[in-house]
C-alpha atoms as a PDB file:
ATOM      1  CA  MET A   1       9.709 -19.729  25.014  1.00  0.00           C
ATOM      2  CA  THR A   2       7.094 -20.872  22.934  1.00  0.00           C
ATOM      3  CA  ALA A   3       4.034 -18.464  21.994  1.00  0.00           C
ATOM      4  CA  THR A   4       1.090 -19.527  23.589  1.00  0.00           C
ATOM      5  CA  LEU A   5      -1.414 -17.651  21.205  1.00  0.00           C
ATOM      6  CA  HIS A   6      -0.588 -18.186  17.539  1.00  0.00           C
ATOM      7  CA  ALA A   7      -2.321 -15.889  14.779  1.00  0.00           C
ATOM      8  CA  ALA A   8      -2.331 -14.971  11.015  1.00  0.00           C
ATOM      9  CA  VAL A   9      -3.600 -13.352   8.257  1.00  0.00           C
ATOM     10  CA  LEU A  10      -4.299 -15.083   4.990  1.00  0.00           C
ATOM     11  CA  GLY A  11      -4.604 -13.873   1.326  1.00  0.00           C
ATOM     12  CA  HIS A  12      -2.633 -13.687  -1.552  1.00  0.00           C
ATOM     13  CA  PRO A  13      -1.243 -11.944  -1.637  1.00  0.00           C
ATOM     14  CA  VAL A  14       0.050 -11.082   1.794  1.00  0.00           C
ATOM     15  CA  ASP A  15       3.015  -9.532   1.732  1.00  0.00           C
ATOM     16  CA  HIS A  16       1.835  -5.907   1.772  1.00  0.00           C
ATOM     17  CA  SER A  17       0.145  -6.940   5.014  1.00  0.00           C
ATOM     18  CA  LEU A  18       0.525  -4.270   7.683  1.00  0.00           C
ATOM     19  CA  SER A  19      -1.471  -7.150  10.082  1.00  0.00           C
ATOM     20  CA  PRO A  20       1.594  -8.147  11.983  1.00  0.00           C
ATOM     21  CA  ALA A  21       2.862  -4.367  12.611  1.00  0.00           C
ATOM     22  CA  LEU A  22      -0.475  -3.822  14.358  1.00  0.00           C
ATOM     23  CA  HIS A  23      -0.933  -6.973  15.815  1.00  0.00           C
ATOM     24  CA  SER A  24       2.739  -7.425  17.310  1.00  0.00           C
ATOM     25  CA  ALA A  25       2.322  -3.638  18.815  1.00  0.00           C
ATOM     26  CA  ALA A  26      -0.996  -4.728  20.283  1.00  0.00           C
ATOM     27  CA  PHE A  27       0.431  -8.212  21.980  1.00  0.00           C
ATOM     28  CA  GLU A  28       3.793  -6.053  23.710  1.00  0.00           C
ATOM     29  CA  VAL A  29       0.736  -3.762  25.277  1.00  0.00           C
ATOM     30  CA  LEU A  30      -1.288  -6.294  26.454  1.00  0.00           C
ATOM     31  CA  GLY A  31       1.595  -8.815  27.444  1.00  0.00           C
ATOM     32  CA  LEU A  32       0.302 -11.915  25.839  1.00  0.00           C
ATOM     33  CA  ASP A  33       2.692 -14.320  24.502  1.00  0.00           C
ATOM     34  CA  ALA A  34       1.433 -14.443  20.962  1.00  0.00           C
ATOM     35  CA  ASP A  35       3.078 -14.427  17.698  1.00  0.00           C
ATOM     36  CA  TYR A  36       1.522 -13.473  14.707  1.00  0.00           C
ATOM     37  CA  VAL A  37       2.800 -14.443  10.790  1.00  0.00           C
ATOM     38  CA  ARG A  38       1.457 -13.983   7.503  1.00  0.00           C
ATOM     39  CA  HIS A  39       0.337 -17.267   5.047  1.00  0.00           C
ATOM     40  CA  ASP A  40       0.154 -16.590   1.566  1.00  0.00           C
ATOM     41  CA  VAL A  41      -3.067 -18.835   0.254  1.00  0.00           C
ATOM     42  CA  PRO A  42      -4.751 -18.810  -3.191  1.00  0.00           C
ATOM     43  CA  GLU A  43      -8.419 -19.061  -3.089  1.00  0.00           C
ATOM     44  CA  GLN A  44      -7.683 -22.614  -4.909  1.00  0.00           C
ATOM     45  CA  GLN A  45      -4.889 -23.680  -1.888  1.00  0.00           C
ATOM     46  CA  TRP A  46      -7.656 -22.822   0.952  1.00  0.00           C
ATOM     47  CA  ASP A  47      -9.604 -25.789   1.425  1.00  0.00           C
ATOM     48  CA  GLU A  48      -6.154 -27.561   1.546  1.00  0.00           C
ATOM     49  CA  PHE A  49      -4.760 -25.028   4.105  1.00  0.00           C
ATOM     50  CA  TRP A  50      -8.276 -24.997   6.010  1.00  0.00           C
ATOM     51  CA  ALA A  51      -8.116 -28.759   6.492  1.00  0.00           C
ATOM     52  CA  GLY A  52      -4.487 -28.581   7.858  1.00  0.00           C
ATOM     53  CA  ALA A  53      -5.910 -25.790  10.503  1.00  0.00           C
ATOM     54  CA  ARG A  54      -8.250 -27.079  11.791  1.00  0.00           C
ATOM     55  CA  ALA A  55      -6.691 -30.203  12.393  1.00  0.00           C
ATOM     56  CA  SER A  56      -3.354 -28.625  13.613  1.00  0.00           C
ATOM     57  CA  GLY A  57      -4.835 -27.611  16.890  1.00  0.00           C
ATOM     58  CA  HIS A  58      -2.310 -24.693  16.522  1.00  0.00           C
ATOM     59  CA  TRP A  59      -3.830 -21.585  15.409  1.00  0.00           C
ATOM     60  CA  ARG A  60      -6.181 -19.209  17.757  1.00  0.00           C
ATOM     61  CA  GLY A  61      -7.261 -16.945  15.146  1.00  0.00           C
ATOM     62  CA  PHE A  62      -6.766 -15.515  11.374  1.00  0.00           C
ATOM     63  CA  SER A  63      -7.568 -12.344   9.994  1.00  0.00           C
ATOM     64  CA  VAL A  64      -8.990 -13.222   6.244  1.00  0.00           C
ATOM     65  CA  THR A  65      -7.917 -10.363   3.486  1.00  0.00           C
ATOM     66  CA  MET A  66      -9.198 -11.376  -0.091  1.00  0.00           C
ATOM     67  CA  PRO A  67      -9.622 -13.569  -2.103  1.00  0.00           C
ATOM     68  CA  LEU A  68     -10.422 -15.780   1.112  1.00  0.00           C
ATOM     69  CA  LYS A  69     -13.495 -13.591   2.308  1.00  0.00           C
ATOM     70  CA  PRO A  70     -16.422 -16.292   1.123  1.00  0.00           C
ATOM     71  CA  PHE A  71     -14.988 -19.194   2.150  1.00  0.00           C
ATOM     72  CA  ALA A  72     -14.152 -17.541   5.354  1.00  0.00           C
ATOM     73  CA  ALA A  73     -17.976 -16.910   6.033  1.00  0.00           C
ATOM     74  CA  ARG A  74     -18.955 -20.201   4.582  1.00  0.00           C
ATOM     75  CA  ASP A  75     -16.696 -22.631   6.402  1.00  0.00           C
ATOM     76  CA  ALA A  76     -17.139 -21.589   9.779  1.00  0.00           C
ATOM     77  CA  GLU A  77     -19.689 -23.194  12.349  1.00  0.00           C
ATOM     78  CA  ARG A  78     -20.468 -19.896  14.085  1.00  0.00           C
ATOM     79  CA  VAL A  79     -21.418 -17.169  12.084  1.00  0.00           C
ATOM     80  CA  THR A  80     -22.498 -14.069  13.451  1.00  0.00           C
ATOM     81  CA  PRO A  81     -25.802 -12.591  12.123  1.00  0.00           C
ATOM     82  CA  LEU A  82     -23.829  -9.239  10.634  1.00  0.00           C
ATOM     83  CA  THR A  83     -21.147 -11.842   8.529  1.00  0.00           C
ATOM     84  CA  ARG A  84     -24.384 -14.024   7.448  1.00  0.00           C
ATOM     85  CA  ALA A  85     -26.115 -10.689   6.039  1.00  0.00           C
ATOM     86  CA  LEU A  86     -22.568  -9.838   4.230  1.00  0.00           C
ATOM     87  CA  GLY A  87     -21.804 -13.215   3.255  1.00  0.00           C
ATOM     88  CA  VAL A  88     -18.018 -12.002   3.799  1.00  0.00           C
ATOM     89  CA  ALA A  89     -15.829 -13.083   6.513  1.00  0.00           C
ATOM     90  CA  ASN A  90     -12.489 -11.197   8.039  1.00  0.00           C
ATOM     91  CA  THR A  91     -11.811 -12.791  11.184  1.00  0.00           C
ATOM     92  CA  LEU A  92     -12.125 -16.491  12.058  1.00  0.00           C
ATOM     93  CA  THR A  93     -11.072 -17.371  15.570  1.00  0.00           C
ATOM     94  CA  PHE A  94     -11.056 -20.950  17.377  1.00  0.00           C
ATOM     95  CA  ALA A  95     -12.384 -21.637  20.745  1.00  0.00           C
ATOM     96  CA  GLN A  96     -11.266 -24.021  23.202  1.00  0.00           C
ATOM     97  CA  ASP A  97     -13.693 -26.953  21.650  1.00  0.00           C
ATOM     98  CA  GLY A  98     -12.336 -26.403  18.445  1.00  0.00           C
ATOM     99  CA  ILE A  99     -15.838 -24.975  17.325  1.00  0.00           C
ATOM    100  CA  VAL A 100     -14.378 -21.879  14.338  1.00  0.00           C
ATOM    101  CA  ALA A 101     -16.608 -18.536  14.829  1.00  0.00           C
ATOM    102  CA  ALA A 102     -16.710 -16.091  11.528  1.00  0.00           C
ATOM    103  CA  ASP A 103     -17.081 -12.246  12.330  1.00  0.00           C
ATOM    104  CA  ASN A 104     -16.778  -9.164   9.806  1.00  0.00           C
ATOM    105  CA  THR A 105     -14.821  -6.490  11.406  1.00  0.00           C
ATOM    106  CA  ASP A 106     -14.427  -4.773   8.403  1.00  0.00           C
ATOM    107  CA  VAL A 107     -17.317  -2.926   9.303  1.00  0.00           C
ATOM    108  CA  MET A 108     -16.424  -1.706  12.690  1.00  0.00           C
ATOM    109  CA  GLY A 109     -13.218  -0.542  10.877  1.00  0.00           C
ATOM    110  CA  ILE A 110     -15.017   1.641   7.939  1.00  0.00           C
ATOM    111  CA  MET A 111     -17.626   3.218  10.585  1.00  0.00           C
ATOM    112  CA  ALA A 112     -14.379   3.643  13.161  1.00  0.00           C
ATOM    113  CA  ALA A 113     -12.337   5.429  10.607  1.00  0.00           C
ATOM    114  CA  LEU A 114     -14.827   7.695   9.597  1.00  0.00           C
ATOM    115  CA  GLY A 115     -16.100   8.925  13.066  1.00  0.00           C
ATOM    116  CA  ALA A 116     -12.427   9.563  13.778  1.00  0.00           C
ATOM    117  CA  ALA A 117     -11.946  11.996  10.824  1.00  0.00           C
ATOM    118  CA  GLY A 118     -15.147  14.350  10.920  1.00  0.00           C
ATOM    119  CA  GLU A 119     -18.340  14.910  11.989  1.00  0.00           C
ATOM    120  CA  ILE A 120     -20.965  12.756  10.510  1.00  0.00           C
ATOM    121  CA  PRO A 121     -24.905  14.149  10.368  1.00  0.00           C
ATOM    122  CA  ALA A 122     -27.203  11.096  12.086  1.00  0.00           C
ATOM    123  CA  SER A 123     -28.702  10.918   9.057  1.00  0.00           C
ATOM    124  CA  PRO A 124     -26.056  11.202   6.496  1.00  0.00           C
ATOM    125  CA  ARG A 125     -25.965  11.426   2.725  1.00  0.00           C
ATOM    126  CA  ALA A 126     -24.184   8.459   1.980  1.00  0.00           C
ATOM    127  CA  VAL A 127     -21.767   7.210  -1.435  1.00  0.00           C
ATOM    128  CA  VAL A 128     -19.686   4.266  -1.755  1.00  0.00           C
ATOM    129  CA  LEU A 129     -18.097   4.265  -5.182  1.00  0.00           C
ATOM    130  CA  GLY A 130     -17.020  -0.009  -6.085  1.00  0.00           C
ATOM    131  CA  GLY A 131     -19.043  -3.139  -5.801  1.00  0.00           C
ATOM    132  CA  GLY A 132     -16.753  -5.401  -4.556  1.00  0.00           C
ATOM    133  CA  ALA A 133     -16.595  -7.334  -0.913  1.00  0.00           C
ATOM    134  CA  THR A 134     -15.368  -4.222   0.937  1.00  0.00           C
ATOM    135  CA  ALA A 135     -18.707  -2.711  -0.729  1.00  0.00           C
ATOM    136  CA  SER A 136     -20.908  -4.735   1.576  1.00  0.00           C
ATOM    137  CA  ALA A 137     -18.936  -3.557   5.011  1.00  0.00           C
ATOM    138  CA  ALA A 138     -19.251   0.078   3.499  1.00  0.00           C
ATOM    139  CA  VAL A 139     -22.874  -0.236   2.737  1.00  0.00           C
ATOM    140  CA  ALA A 140     -23.210  -1.620   6.234  1.00  0.00           C
ATOM    141  CA  ALA A 141     -20.521   0.788   8.245  1.00  0.00           C
ATOM    142  CA  LEU A 142     -22.968   3.362   6.044  1.00  0.00           C
ATOM    143  CA  HIS A 143     -26.465   2.157   7.596  1.00  0.00           C
ATOM    144  CA  GLY A 144     -24.766   1.680  11.180  1.00  0.00           C
ATOM    145  CA  LEU A 145     -23.747   5.344  11.105  1.00  0.00           C
ATOM    146  CA  GLY A 146     -27.673   6.435  10.269  1.00  0.00           C
ATOM    147  CA  ALA A 147     -27.771   6.282   6.436  1.00  0.00           C
ATOM    148  CA  ASP A 148     -31.522   5.688   5.396  1.00  0.00           C
ATOM    149  CA  CYS A 149     -30.091   4.833   1.755  1.00  0.00           C
ATOM    150  CA  VAL A 150     -26.796   4.521   0.602  1.00  0.00           C
ATOM    151  CA  ASP A 151     -25.358   5.403  -2.994  1.00  0.00           C
ATOM    152  CA  VAL A 152     -23.515   2.679  -4.950  1.00  0.00           C
ATOM    153  CA  ALA A 153     -21.446   3.934  -8.199  1.00  0.00           C
ATOM    154  CA  VAL A 154     -20.368   0.821  -9.871  1.00  0.00           C
ATOM    155  CA  ARG A 155     -19.269   0.711 -13.601  1.00  0.00           C
ATOM    156  CA  THR A 156     -21.522  -2.596 -14.370  1.00  0.00           C
ATOM    157  CA  ALA A 157     -24.135  -3.077 -12.761  1.00  0.00           C
ATOM    158  CA  GLN A 158     -23.873  -6.809 -11.827  1.00  0.00           C
ATOM    159  CA  ARG A 159     -21.466  -5.790  -9.580  1.00  0.00           C
ATOM    160  CA  ALA A 160     -24.143  -4.234  -6.880  1.00  0.00           C
ATOM    161  CA  GLU A 161     -26.537  -7.183  -7.804  1.00  0.00           C
ATOM    162  CA  SER A 162     -24.945  -8.669  -4.461  1.00  0.00           C
ATOM    163  CA  LEU A 163     -25.063  -5.029  -2.881  1.00  0.00           C
ATOM    164  CA  THR A 164     -28.609  -5.034  -3.063  1.00  0.00           C
ATOM    165  CA  ALA A 165     -29.147  -8.525  -1.129  1.00  0.00           C
ATOM    166  CA  VAL A 166     -26.766  -7.617   1.438  1.00  0.00           C
ATOM    167  CA  ALA A 167     -28.778  -4.236   1.789  1.00  0.00           C
ATOM    168  CA  GLU A 168     -32.458  -6.017   2.156  1.00  0.00           C
ATOM    169  CA  ALA A 169     -30.822  -8.673   4.719  1.00  0.00           C
ATOM    170  CA  LEU A 170     -29.671  -5.545   6.909  1.00  0.00           C
ATOM    171  CA  GLY A 171     -32.978  -3.551   6.972  1.00  0.00           C
ATOM    172  CA  THR A 172     -32.038  -0.676   4.136  1.00  0.00           C
ATOM    173  CA  SER A 173     -31.626   0.229   0.750  1.00  0.00           C
ATOM    174  CA  ILE A 174     -28.975   0.954  -1.841  1.00  0.00           C
ATOM    175  CA  ARG A 175     -29.604   2.897  -4.960  1.00  0.00           C
ATOM    176  CA  VAL A 176     -27.167   2.018  -7.727  1.00  0.00           C
ATOM    177  CA  LEU A 177     -25.516   4.557  -9.965  1.00  0.00           C
ATOM    178  CA  PRO A 178     -23.795   4.012 -13.452  1.00  0.00           C
ATOM    179  CA  TRP A 179     -20.292   4.603 -12.916  1.00  0.00           C
ATOM    180  CA  GLU A 180     -20.832   8.698 -14.958  1.00  0.00           C
ATOM    181  CA  GLN A 181     -23.144   9.882 -12.366  1.00  0.00           C
ATOM    182  CA  ALA A 182     -20.116   8.860  -9.635  1.00  0.00           C
ATOM    183  CA  GLY A 183     -18.773  12.584  -9.783  1.00  0.00           C
ATOM    184  CA  ALA A 184     -22.167  14.448  -9.216  1.00  0.00           C
ATOM    185  CA  ALA A 185     -22.735  11.666  -6.125  1.00  0.00           C
ATOM    186  CA  LEU A 186     -20.034  13.170  -4.639  1.00  0.00           C
ATOM    187  CA  HIS A 187     -21.599  16.871  -4.573  1.00  0.00           C
ATOM    188  CA  GLY A 188     -23.364  17.153  -1.215  1.00  0.00           C
ATOM    189  CA  ALA A 189     -22.414  13.743   0.061  1.00  0.00           C
ATOM    190  CA  ASP A 190     -21.930  14.020   4.086  1.00  0.00           C
ATOM    191  CA  VAL A 191     -19.614  10.361   3.937  1.00  0.00           C
ATOM    192  CA  VAL A 192     -18.171   8.550   0.862  1.00  0.00           C
ATOM    193  CA  VAL A 193     -16.431   5.251   1.289  1.00  0.00           C
ATOM    194  CA  ALA A 194     -14.460   4.728  -1.739  1.00  0.00           C
ATOM    195  CA  THR A 195     -13.894   0.977  -2.358  1.00  0.00           C
ATOM    196  CA  LEU A 196     -11.502   0.599  -5.159  1.00  0.00           C
ATOM    197  CA  PRO A 197      -7.940  -0.974  -6.038  1.00  0.00           C
ATOM    198  CA  PRO A 198      -5.414   1.834  -5.698  1.00  0.00           C
ATOM    199  CA  ARG A 199      -5.442   4.557  -8.437  1.00  0.00           C
ATOM    200  CA  GLY A 200      -9.069   3.187  -9.556  1.00  0.00           C
ATOM    201  CA  ALA A 201     -10.424   6.342  -9.114  1.00  0.00           C
ATOM    202  CA  ASP A 202      -7.790   8.642 -10.048  1.00  0.00           C
ATOM    203  CA  GLU A 203      -9.488   9.508 -13.301  1.00  0.00           C
ATOM    204  CA  LEU A 204     -12.523  10.259 -11.238  1.00  0.00           C
ATOM    205  CA  ALA A 205     -10.668  12.701  -9.058  1.00  0.00           C
ATOM    206  CA  ARG A 206      -9.125  14.575 -12.324  1.00  0.00           C
ATOM    207  CA  GLY A 207     -12.901  15.246 -13.513  1.00  0.00           C
ATOM    208  CA  TRP A 208     -14.134  16.179  -9.930  1.00  0.00           C
ATOM    209  CA  ARG A 209     -11.500  18.598  -9.462  1.00  0.00           C
ATOM    210  CA  GLU A 210     -12.081  20.246 -12.615  1.00  0.00           C
ATOM    211  CA  GLU A 211     -15.899  21.643 -11.359  1.00  0.00           C
ATOM    212  CA  HIS A 212     -13.827  23.224  -8.418  1.00  0.00           C
ATOM    213  CA  PRO A 213     -16.464  21.976  -5.957  1.00  0.00           C
ATOM    214  CA  ARG A 214     -17.189  22.344  -2.340  1.00  0.00           C
ATOM    215  CA  VAL A 215     -18.017  19.675   0.097  1.00  0.00           C
ATOM    216  CA  SER A 216     -17.718  19.786   3.949  1.00  0.00           C
ATOM    217  CA  GLY A 217     -17.700  15.703   4.957  1.00  0.00           C
ATOM    218  CA  VAL A 218     -15.912  13.211   4.986  1.00  0.00           C
ATOM    219  CA  LEU A 219     -14.234  10.511   2.799  1.00  0.00           C
ATOM    220  CA  LEU A 220     -12.227   7.352   3.412  1.00  0.00           C
ATOM    221  CA  ASP A 221     -10.001   5.847   0.859  1.00  0.00           C
ATOM    222  CA  VAL A 222      -9.947   2.175   1.363  1.00  0.00           C
ATOM    223  CA  ALA A 223      -6.631   2.386  -1.132  1.00  0.00           C
ATOM    224  CA  TYR A 224      -3.469   3.425   1.395  1.00  0.00           C
ATOM    225  CA  ASP A 225      -0.431   3.223  -0.754  1.00  0.00           C
ATOM    226  CA  PRO A 226      -0.154   6.142  -2.261  1.00  0.00           C
ATOM    227  CA  TRP A 227      -1.500   8.386   0.217  1.00  0.00           C
ATOM    228  CA  PRO A 228      -3.263  10.712   0.119  1.00  0.00           C
ATOM    229  CA  SER A 229      -4.924   9.132  -3.177  1.00  0.00           C
ATOM    230  CA  ALA A 230      -5.648  11.636  -5.662  1.00  0.00           C
ATOM    231  CA  LEU A 231      -9.585  11.382  -4.792  1.00  0.00           C
ATOM    232  CA  ALA A 232      -8.573  11.611  -0.715  1.00  0.00           C
ATOM    233  CA  ALA A 233      -6.419  15.160  -2.166  1.00  0.00           C
ATOM    234  CA  ALA A 234      -9.274  16.306  -4.104  1.00  0.00           C
ATOM    235  CA  TRP A 235     -11.721  15.951  -1.862  1.00  0.00           C
ATOM    236  CA  GLN A 236      -9.634  17.148   1.154  1.00  0.00           C
ATOM    237  CA  ASP A 237      -8.739  20.164  -1.247  1.00  0.00           C
ATOM    238  CA  ALA A 238     -12.597  20.956  -1.408  1.00  0.00           C
ATOM    239  CA  GLY A 239     -13.309  21.326   2.163  1.00  0.00           C
ATOM    240  CA  GLY A 240     -13.406  18.027   3.208  1.00  0.00           C
ATOM    241  CA  ALA A 241     -12.250  15.617   5.898  1.00  0.00           C
ATOM    242  CA  ILE A 242     -10.286  12.179   4.690  1.00  0.00           C
ATOM    243  CA  ALA A 243      -8.940   8.860   6.229  1.00  0.00           C
ATOM    244  CA  PRO A 244      -6.646   6.707   4.889  1.00  0.00           C
ATOM    245  CA  GLY A 245      -7.418   2.268   4.368  1.00  0.00           C
ATOM    246  CA  VAL A 246      -5.065   2.119   6.892  1.00  0.00           C
ATOM    247  CA  ASP A 247      -7.049   3.655  10.039  1.00  0.00           C
ATOM    248  CA  MET A 248      -9.927   0.848   8.898  1.00  0.00           C
ATOM    249  CA  LEU A 249      -7.196  -1.270   9.027  1.00  0.00           C
ATOM    250  CA  ILE A 250      -6.467  -0.314  12.945  1.00  0.00           C
ATOM    251  CA  PHE A 251      -9.813  -0.233  13.681  1.00  0.00           C
ATOM    252  CA  GLN A 252     -11.123  -3.182  12.610  1.00  0.00           C
ATOM    253  CA  ALA A 253      -8.322  -5.193  14.248  1.00  0.00           C
ATOM    254  CA  VAL A 254      -9.327  -3.712  17.914  1.00  0.00           C
ATOM    255  CA  ASP A 255     -12.221  -6.193  17.291  1.00  0.00           C
ATOM    256  CA  GLN A 256      -9.991  -8.841  16.184  1.00  0.00           C
ATOM    257  CA  LEU A 257      -8.351  -8.515  19.236  1.00  0.00           C
ATOM    258  CA  ARG A 258     -11.435  -8.634  20.832  1.00  0.00           C
ATOM    259  CA  TRP A 259     -12.211 -12.292  19.442  1.00  0.00           C
ATOM    260  CA  PHE A 260      -8.309 -13.611  19.462  1.00  0.00           C
ATOM    261  CA  THR A 261      -8.214 -12.755  23.237  1.00  0.00           C
ATOM    262  CA  GLN A 262     -12.095 -13.371  24.689  1.00  0.00           C
ATOM    263  CA  GLY A 263     -13.597 -15.184  22.153  1.00  0.00           C
ATOM    264  CA  ASP A 264     -15.986 -12.687  21.208  1.00  0.00           C
ATOM    265  CA  SER A 265     -16.258  -8.990  20.577  1.00  0.00           C
ATOM    266  CA  SER A 266     -18.361  -7.445  23.041  1.00  0.00           C
ATOM    267  CA  ARG A 267     -16.473  -7.053  25.519  1.00  0.00           C
ATOM    268  CA  ALA A 268     -13.589  -3.743  25.657  1.00  0.00           C
ATOM    269  CA  LEU A 269      -9.806  -5.192  25.881  1.00  0.00           C
ATOM    270  CA  PRO A 270      -8.151  -4.531  28.642  1.00  0.00           C
ATOM    271  CA  ARG A 271      -6.110  -1.013  28.407  1.00  0.00           C
ATOM    272  CA  GLU A 272      -7.925  -1.154  25.076  1.00  0.00           C
ATOM    273  CA  ASN A 273      -7.453   2.931  24.064  1.00  0.00           C
ATOM    274  CA  GLU A 274      -3.665   2.334  24.547  1.00  0.00           C
ATOM    275  CA  VAL A 275      -3.615  -0.716  22.634  1.00  0.00           C
ATOM    276  CA  THR A 276      -5.265   1.659  19.989  1.00  0.00           C
ATOM    277  CA  ALA A 277      -2.978   3.946  20.405  1.00  0.00           C
ATOM    278  CA  ALA A 278       0.563   1.083  19.955  1.00  0.00           C
ATOM    279  CA  MET A 279      -1.042   0.332  16.730  1.00  0.00           C
ATOM    280  CA  CYS A 280      -1.140   3.626  15.248  1.00  0.00           C
ATOM    281  CA  ARG A 281       2.101   4.477  16.353  1.00  0.00           C
ATOM    282  CA  ALA A 282       3.294   0.770  14.589  1.00  0.00           C
ATOM    283  CA  VAL A 283       2.066   2.085  11.226  1.00  0.00           C
ATOM    284  CA  GLU A 284       3.095   5.648  12.203  1.00  0.00           C
ATOM    285  CA  ARG A 285      -0.744   7.028  11.947  1.00  0.00           C
ATOM    286  CA  PRO A 286      -1.856   9.749  14.420  1.00  0.00           C
ATOM    287  CA  GLU A 287      -3.209   8.012  18.171  1.00  0.00           C
ATOM    288  CA  ARG A 288      -6.950   8.122  17.449  1.00  0.00           C
ATOM    289  CA  VAL A 289      -9.722   5.881  19.466  1.00  0.00           C
ATOM    290  CA  VAL A 290     -12.934   4.739  18.533  1.00  0.00           C
ATOM    291  CA  PRO A 291     -15.613   6.670  19.035  1.00  0.00           C
ATOM    292  CA  ALA A 292     -18.377   6.615  21.884  1.00  0.00           C
ATOM    293  CA  ARG A 293     -20.827   7.354  18.905  1.00  0.00           C
ATOM    294  CA  VAL A 294     -20.233   4.544  16.812  1.00  0.00           C
ATOM    295  CA  ARG A 295     -19.186   1.860  19.174  1.00  0.00           C
ATOM    296  CA  GLN A 296     -23.280   2.693  20.456  1.00  0.00           C
ATOM    297  CA  ALA A 297     -24.164   2.749  16.985  1.00  0.00           C
ATOM    298  CA  GLN A 298     -22.514  -0.793  15.855  1.00  0.00           C
ATOM    299  CA  THR A 299     -24.257  -2.024  18.813  1.00  0.00           C
ATOM    300  CA  THR A 300     -27.766  -0.690  18.006  1.00  0.00           C
ATOM    301  CA  ARG A 301     -28.128  -0.480  14.294  1.00  0.00           C
ATOM    302  CA  LEU A 302     -26.262  -3.257  13.173  1.00  0.00           C
ATOM    303  CA  PRO A 303     -27.267  -7.353  13.390  1.00  0.00           C
ATOM    304  CA  ARG A 304     -25.058  -8.537  16.355  1.00  0.00           C
END
């Protein structure tokens, strides 16, 4: 039987992507006739690939990873306000009339992963490590969780220039810190999102651990191999709660499925908690659901 819903993850590289396992597990719970594959698309091949995908009429949706997220936001006809503010999209959905919608479900993934890992104050002191595309989603997520201002530690100030524009578009603000102040910023933080590549915070973790800190907040490290990362292990040893990037991946996929199956992310999936639990099992993570407070914050504090 030929599948009636075709989806894929796009990026370069994508051989390591867990998205096929997550979406396949969800399709099984939902009883959908669907398939989900990987397509390795270097950025210089995007225009050719995208033209073919549009012309084929074959696809229902794409999960988009780096380096293609800016192109996904640029080339869709319908762009959510959140995506417009961020300038990057991780979800593309084809409507029956051929119109393509772009959204950024990474923001929800970050919010939910943090909320599921531990308690977050109503107005948390928030820190982001790094200044790339995922940092933009992190700033939005922390704003969504109630942070009035987000401290962003970067190695070069230029890395944070786009984040300032993102914060302004969201109606919030950031404070850019030199990387030398990253360790000090962690002290007293209620919530931290590390957006660095794998092992990118190892040196920071070693120096910070030597200070024998005590913390009570929540840290999400978007890198999940190896896990725990040196930074996550140091944070946990200091008394904090931790979440790996794979939890972010799971929760952002829930909203992607809403787009792929329903054409938007505003309505819950049928048996959504079962779907989320199945995705957790597929990647050997504890079964979790999106906290109700996070869903409420998503709809009240972020542009929709």
